[in-house]
Structure formats: structure tokens, C-alpha cells
Amino acid sequence: LAGAVTALAAAHLRGLVPATVLVAGL
């Protein structure tokens, strides 16, 4: 779970996924 959250956050911070994808993933 921690790895998945970290991967989502890192991808969002690097502009790879939008905020909506980050929220949906969380």
C-alpha cells in the first residue's frame, strides 16, 4: 500500500498523471 501511494504521488509530482487520477487511485 505504501509503495502504491508513493508511486501515485511521484507520478503526479512529475506530471505523468493528473490530479483526478491521483485522487481516484487513492
PDB file of all heavy atoms in Angstrom:
ATOM      1  N   LEU A   1       0.829  -1.209   0.000  1.00  0.00           N
ATOM      2  CA  LEU A   1       0.000   0.000   0.000  1.00  0.00           C
ATOM      3  C   LEU A   1       0.859   1.253   0.000  1.00  0.00           C
ATOM      4  O   LEU A   1       0.599   2.211  -0.747  1.00  0.00           O
ATOM      5  CB  LEU A   1      -0.931  -0.011   1.214  1.00  0.00           C
ATOM      6  CG  LEU A   1      -2.102  -0.996   1.184  1.00  0.00           C
ATOM      7  CD1 LEU A   1      -2.803  -1.029   2.541  1.00  0.00           C
ATOM      8  CD2 LEU A   1      -3.100  -0.602   0.100  1.00  0.00           C
ATOM      9  N   ALA A   2       1.896   1.250   0.843  1.00  0.00           N
ATOM     10  CA  ALA A   2       2.783   2.418   0.891  1.00  0.00           C
ATOM     11  C   ALA A   2       3.495   2.621  -0.451  1.00  0.00           C
ATOM     12  O   ALA A   2       3.659   3.756  -0.924  1.00  0.00           O
ATOM     13  CB  ALA A   2       3.812   2.245   2.013  1.00  0.00           C
ATOM     14  N   GLY A   3       3.913   1.514  -1.079  1.00  0.00           N
ATOM     15  CA  GLY A   3       4.571   1.623  -2.377  1.00  0.00           C
ATOM     16  C   GLY A   3       3.633   2.161  -3.437  1.00  0.00           C
ATOM     17  O   GLY A   3       4.028   3.000  -4.275  1.00  0.00           O
ATOM     18  N   ALA A   4       2.372   1.693  -3.422  1.00  0.00           N
ATOM     19  CA  ALA A   4       1.410   2.162  -4.415  1.00  0.00           C
ATOM     20  C   ALA A   4       1.106   3.646  -4.238  1.00  0.00           C
ATOM     21  O   ALA A   4       1.027   4.396  -5.220  1.00  0.00           O
ATOM     22  CB  ALA A   4       0.118   1.342  -4.308  1.00  0.00           C
ATOM     23  N   VAL A   5       0.954   4.083  -2.994  1.00  0.00           N
ATOM     24  CA  VAL A   5       0.701   5.504  -2.737  1.00  0.00           C
ATOM     25  C   VAL A   5       1.896   6.342  -3.170  1.00  0.00           C
ATOM     26  O   VAL A   5       1.753   7.406  -3.790  1.00  0.00           O
ATOM     27  CB  VAL A   5       0.380   5.733  -1.243  1.00  0.00           C
ATOM     28  CG1 VAL A   5       0.348   7.228  -0.915  1.00  0.00           C
ATOM     29  CG2 VAL A   5      -0.945   5.088  -0.886  1.00  0.00           C
ATOM     30  N   THR A   6       3.104   5.863  -2.848  1.00  0.00           N
ATOM     31  CA  THR A   6       4.322   6.587  -3.236  1.00  0.00           C
ATOM     32  C   THR A   6       4.433   6.691  -4.753  1.00  0.00           C
ATOM     33  O   THR A   6       4.776   7.757  -5.302  1.00  0.00           O
ATOM     34  CB  THR A   6       5.555   5.873  -2.663  1.00  0.00           C
ATOM     35  OG1 THR A   6       5.429   5.776  -1.256  1.00  0.00           O
ATOM     36  CG2 THR A   6       6.828   6.641  -3.003  1.00  0.00           C
ATOM     37  N   ALA A   7       4.145   5.606  -5.460  1.00  0.00           N
ATOM     38  CA  ALA A   7       4.226   5.610  -6.926  1.00  0.00           C
ATOM     39  C   ALA A   7       3.219   6.594  -7.513  1.00  0.00           C
ATOM     40  O   ALA A   7       3.548   7.368  -8.446  1.00  0.00           O
ATOM     41  CB  ALA A   7       3.981   4.207  -7.464  1.00  0.00           C
ATOM     42  N   LEU A   8       1.998   6.605  -6.997  1.00  0.00           N
ATOM     43  CA  LEU A   8       0.986   7.546  -7.485  1.00  0.00           C
ATOM     44  C   LEU A   8       1.412   8.983  -7.244  1.00  0.00           C
ATOM     45  O   LEU A   8       1.306   9.855  -8.131  1.00  0.00           O
ATOM     46  CB  LEU A   8      -0.353   7.273  -6.788  1.00  0.00           C
ATOM     47  CG  LEU A   8      -1.250   6.187  -7.385  1.00  0.00           C
ATOM     48  CD1 LEU A   8      -2.423   5.928  -6.450  1.00  0.00           C
ATOM     49  CD2 LEU A   8      -1.764   6.615  -8.765  1.00  0.00           C
ATOM     50  N   ALA A   9       1.905   9.261  -6.035  1.00  0.00           N
ATOM     51  CA  ALA A   9       2.305  10.631  -5.704  1.00  0.00           C
ATOM     52  C   ALA A   9       3.481  11.085  -6.572  1.00  0.00           C
ATOM     53  O   ALA A   9       3.504  12.221  -7.065  1.00  0.00           O
ATOM     54  CB  ALA A   9       2.673  10.709  -4.221  1.00  0.00           C
ATOM     55  N   ALA A  10       4.474  10.182  -6.761  1.00  0.00           N
ATOM     56  CA  ALA A  10       5.637  10.532  -7.575  1.00  0.00           C
ATOM     57  C   ALA A  10       5.226  10.806  -9.026  1.00  0.00           C
ATOM     58  O   ALA A  10       5.706  11.770  -9.662  1.00  0.00           O
ATOM     59  CB  ALA A  10       6.670   9.410  -7.504  1.00  0.00           C
ATOM     60  N   ALA A  11       4.336   9.948  -9.547  1.00  0.00           N
ATOM     61  CA  ALA A  11       3.883  10.143 -10.928  1.00  0.00           C
ATOM     62  C   ALA A  11       3.151  11.467 -11.078  1.00  0.00           C
ATOM     63  O   ALA A  11       3.312  12.172 -12.092  1.00  0.00           O
ATOM     64  CB  ALA A  11       2.990   8.977 -11.339  1.00  0.00           C
ATOM     65  N   HIS A  12       2.353  11.845 -10.075  1.00  0.00           N
ATOM     66  CA  HIS A  12       1.637  13.114 -10.150  1.00  0.00           C
ATOM     67  C   HIS A  12       2.595  14.298 -10.065  1.00  0.00           C
ATOM     68  O   HIS A  12       2.460  15.274 -10.821  1.00  0.00           O
ATOM     69  CB  HIS A  12       0.613  13.188  -9.019  1.00  0.00           C
ATOM     70  CG  HIS A  12      -0.070  14.514  -8.919  1.00  0.00           C
ATOM     71  ND1 HIS A  12      -0.904  14.998  -9.916  1.00  0.00           N
ATOM     72  CD2 HIS A  12      -0.022  15.486  -7.966  1.00  0.00           C
ATOM     73  CE1 HIS A  12      -1.349  16.193  -9.573  1.00  0.00           C
ATOM     74  NE2 HIS A  12      -0.820  16.513  -8.388  1.00  0.00           N
ATOM     75  N   LEU A  13       3.571  14.217  -9.151  1.00  0.00           N
ATOM     76  CA  LEU A  13       4.523  15.324  -8.991  1.00  0.00           C
ATOM     77  C   LEU A  13       5.374  15.524 -10.244  1.00  0.00           C
ATOM     78  O   LEU A  13       5.818  16.638 -10.535  1.00  0.00           O
ATOM     79  CB  LEU A  13       5.423  15.066  -7.786  1.00  0.00           C
ATOM     80  CG  LEU A  13       4.721  15.145  -6.415  1.00  0.00           C
ATOM     81  CD1 LEU A  13       5.653  14.699  -5.302  1.00  0.00           C
ATOM     82  CD2 LEU A  13       4.236  16.579  -6.159  1.00  0.00           C
ATOM     83  N   ARG A  14       5.624  14.476 -10.998  1.00  0.00           N
ATOM     84  CA  ARG A  14       6.409  14.573 -12.228  1.00  0.00           C
ATOM     85  C   ARG A  14       5.547  14.893 -13.447  1.00  0.00           C
ATOM     86  O   ARG A  14       6.041  14.915 -14.571  1.00  0.00           O
ATOM     87  CB  ARG A  14       7.161  13.267 -12.471  1.00  0.00           C
ATOM     88  CG  ARG A  14       8.236  13.012 -11.416  1.00  0.00           C
ATOM     89  CD  ARG A  14       8.924  11.692 -11.626  1.00  0.00           C
ATOM     90  NE  ARG A  14       9.910  11.441 -10.594  1.00  0.00           N
ATOM     91  CZ  ARG A  14      10.646  10.333 -10.492  1.00  0.00           C
ATOM     92  NH1 ARG A  14      10.476   9.359 -11.392  1.00  0.00           N
ATOM     93  NH2 ARG A  14      11.512  10.184  -9.529  1.00  0.00           N
ATOM     94  N   GLY A  15       4.235  15.080 -13.220  1.00  0.00           N
ATOM     95  CA  GLY A  15       3.346  15.449 -14.307  1.00  0.00           C
ATOM     96  C   GLY A  15       2.911  14.306 -15.185  1.00  0.00           C
ATOM     97  O   GLY A  15       2.371  14.535 -16.276  1.00  0.00           O
ATOM     98  N   LEU A  16       3.116  13.072 -14.720  1.00  0.00           N
ATOM     99  CA  LEU A  16       2.756  11.916 -15.533  1.00  0.00           C
ATOM    100  C   LEU A  16       1.273  11.572 -15.426  1.00  0.00           C
ATOM    101  O   LEU A  16       0.712  10.971 -16.351  1.00  0.00           O
ATOM    102  CB  LEU A  16       3.602  10.704 -15.116  1.00  0.00           C
ATOM    103  CG  LEU A  16       5.113  10.876 -15.293  1.00  0.00           C
ATOM    104  CD1 LEU A  16       5.847   9.648 -14.788  1.00  0.00           C
ATOM    105  CD2 LEU A  16       5.452  11.144 -16.766  1.00  0.00           C
ATOM    106  N   VAL A  17       0.643  11.873 -14.259  1.00  0.00           N
ATOM    107  CA  VAL A  17      -0.789  11.605 -14.095  1.00  0.00           C
ATOM    108  C   VAL A  17      -1.445  12.862 -13.535  1.00  0.00           C
ATOM    109  O   VAL A  17      -0.853  13.573 -12.703  1.00  0.00           O
ATOM    110  CB  VAL A  17      -1.050  10.410 -13.151  1.00  0.00           C
ATOM    111  CG1 VAL A  17      -0.480   9.131 -13.726  1.00  0.00           C
ATOM    112  CG2 VAL A  17      -0.480  10.664 -11.776  1.00  0.00           C
ATOM    113  N   PRO A  18      -2.659  13.191 -13.980  1.00  0.00           N
ATOM    114  CA  PRO A  18      -3.362  14.368 -13.442  1.00  0.00           C
ATOM    115  C   PRO A  18      -3.864  14.129 -12.025  1.00  0.00           C
ATOM    116  O   PRO A  18      -3.872  13.001 -11.525  1.00  0.00           O
ATOM    117  CB  PRO A  18      -4.520  14.566 -14.418  1.00  0.00           C
ATOM    118  CG  PRO A  18      -4.781  13.198 -14.973  1.00  0.00           C
ATOM    119  CD  PRO A  18      -3.438  12.515 -15.035  1.00  0.00           C
ATOM    120  N   ALA A  19      -4.323  15.202 -11.390  1.00  0.00           N
ATOM    121  CA  ALA A  19      -4.809  15.122 -10.003  1.00  0.00           C
ATOM    122  C   ALA A  19      -6.002  14.185  -9.883  1.00  0.00           C
ATOM    123  O   ALA A  19      -6.148  13.474  -8.871  1.00  0.00           O
ATOM    124  CB  ALA A  19      -5.169  16.516  -9.492  1.00  0.00           C
ATOM    125  N   THR A  20      -6.862  14.164 -10.912  1.00  0.00           N
ATOM    126  CA  THR A  20      -8.042  13.290 -10.830  1.00  0.00           C
ATOM    127  C   THR A  20      -7.643  11.822 -10.757  1.00  0.00           C
ATOM    128  O   THR A  20      -8.255  11.036 -10.023  1.00  0.00           O
ATOM    129  CB  THR A  20      -8.947  13.508 -12.052  1.00  0.00           C
ATOM    130  OG1 THR A  20      -8.155  13.391 -13.257  1.00  0.00           O
ATOM    131  CG2 THR A  20      -9.591  14.891 -12.016  1.00  0.00           C
ATOM    132  N   VAL A  21      -6.606  11.433 -11.495  1.00  0.00           N
ATOM    133  CA  VAL A  21      -6.126  10.047 -11.455  1.00  0.00           C
ATOM    134  C   VAL A  21      -5.513   9.739 -10.087  1.00  0.00           C
ATOM    135  O   VAL A  21      -5.700   8.651  -9.524  1.00  0.00           O
ATOM    136  CB  VAL A  21      -5.111   9.797 -12.581  1.00  0.00           C
ATOM    137  CG1 VAL A  21      -4.504   8.400 -12.459  1.00  0.00           C
ATOM    138  CG2 VAL A  21      -5.769   9.966 -13.938  1.00  0.00           C
ATOM    139  N   LEU A  22      -4.763  10.725  -9.529  1.00  0.00           N
ATOM    140  CA  LEU A  22      -4.190  10.547  -8.198  1.00  0.00           C
ATOM    141  C   LEU A  22      -5.287  10.297  -7.162  1.00  0.00           C
ATOM    142  O   LEU A  22      -5.214   9.350  -6.374  1.00  0.00           O
ATOM    143  CB  LEU A  22      -3.376  11.788  -7.815  1.00  0.00           C
ATOM    144  CG  LEU A  22      -2.873  11.829  -6.370  1.00  0.00           C
ATOM    145  CD1 LEU A  22      -1.864  10.721  -6.116  1.00  0.00           C
ATOM    146  CD2 LEU A  22      -2.267  13.196  -6.044  1.00  0.00           C
ATOM    147  N   VAL A  23      -6.318  11.148  -7.166  1.00  0.00           N
ATOM    148  CA  VAL A  23      -7.409  11.005  -6.191  1.00  0.00           C
ATOM    149  C   VAL A  23      -8.143   9.686  -6.403  1.00  0.00           C
ATOM    150  O   VAL A  23      -8.448   8.958  -5.440  1.00  0.00           O
ATOM    151  CB  VAL A  23      -8.378  12.203  -6.297  1.00  0.00           C
ATOM    152  CG1 VAL A  23      -9.613  11.970  -5.433  1.00  0.00           C
ATOM    153  CG2 VAL A  23      -7.684  13.484  -5.881  1.00  0.00           C
ATOM    154  N   ALA A  24      -8.431   9.355  -7.667  1.00  0.00           N
ATOM    155  CA  ALA A  24      -9.137   8.099  -7.945  1.00  0.00           C
ATOM    156  C   ALA A  24      -8.313   6.899  -7.480  1.00  0.00           C
ATOM    157  O   ALA A  24      -8.852   5.934  -6.913  1.00  0.00           O
ATOM    158  CB  ALA A  24      -9.434   7.995  -9.437  1.00  0.00           C
ATOM    159  N   GLY A  25      -6.998   6.949  -7.699  1.00  0.00           N
ATOM    160  CA  GLY A  25      -6.137   5.857  -7.257  1.00  0.00           C
ATOM    161  C   GLY A  25      -6.117   5.711  -5.747  1.00  0.00           C
ATOM    162  O   GLY A  25      -6.161   4.593  -5.218  1.00  0.00           O
ATOM    163  N   LEU A  26      -6.042   6.849  -5.028  1.00  0.00           N
ATOM    164  CA  LEU A  26      -6.053   6.806  -3.562  1.00  0.00           C
ATOM    165  C   LEU A  26      -7.378   6.245  -3.045  1.00  0.00           C
ATOM    166  O   LEU A  26      -7.400   5.442  -2.111  1.00  0.00           O
ATOM    167  CB  LEU A  26      -5.798   8.199  -2.987  1.00  0.00           C
ATOM    168  CG  LEU A  26      -4.400   8.790  -3.230  1.00  0.00           C
ATOM    169  CD1 LEU A  26      -4.326  10.213  -2.720  1.00  0.00           C
ATOM    170  CD2 LEU A  26      -3.340   7.937  -2.549  1.00  0.00           C
TER     171      LEU A  26
END
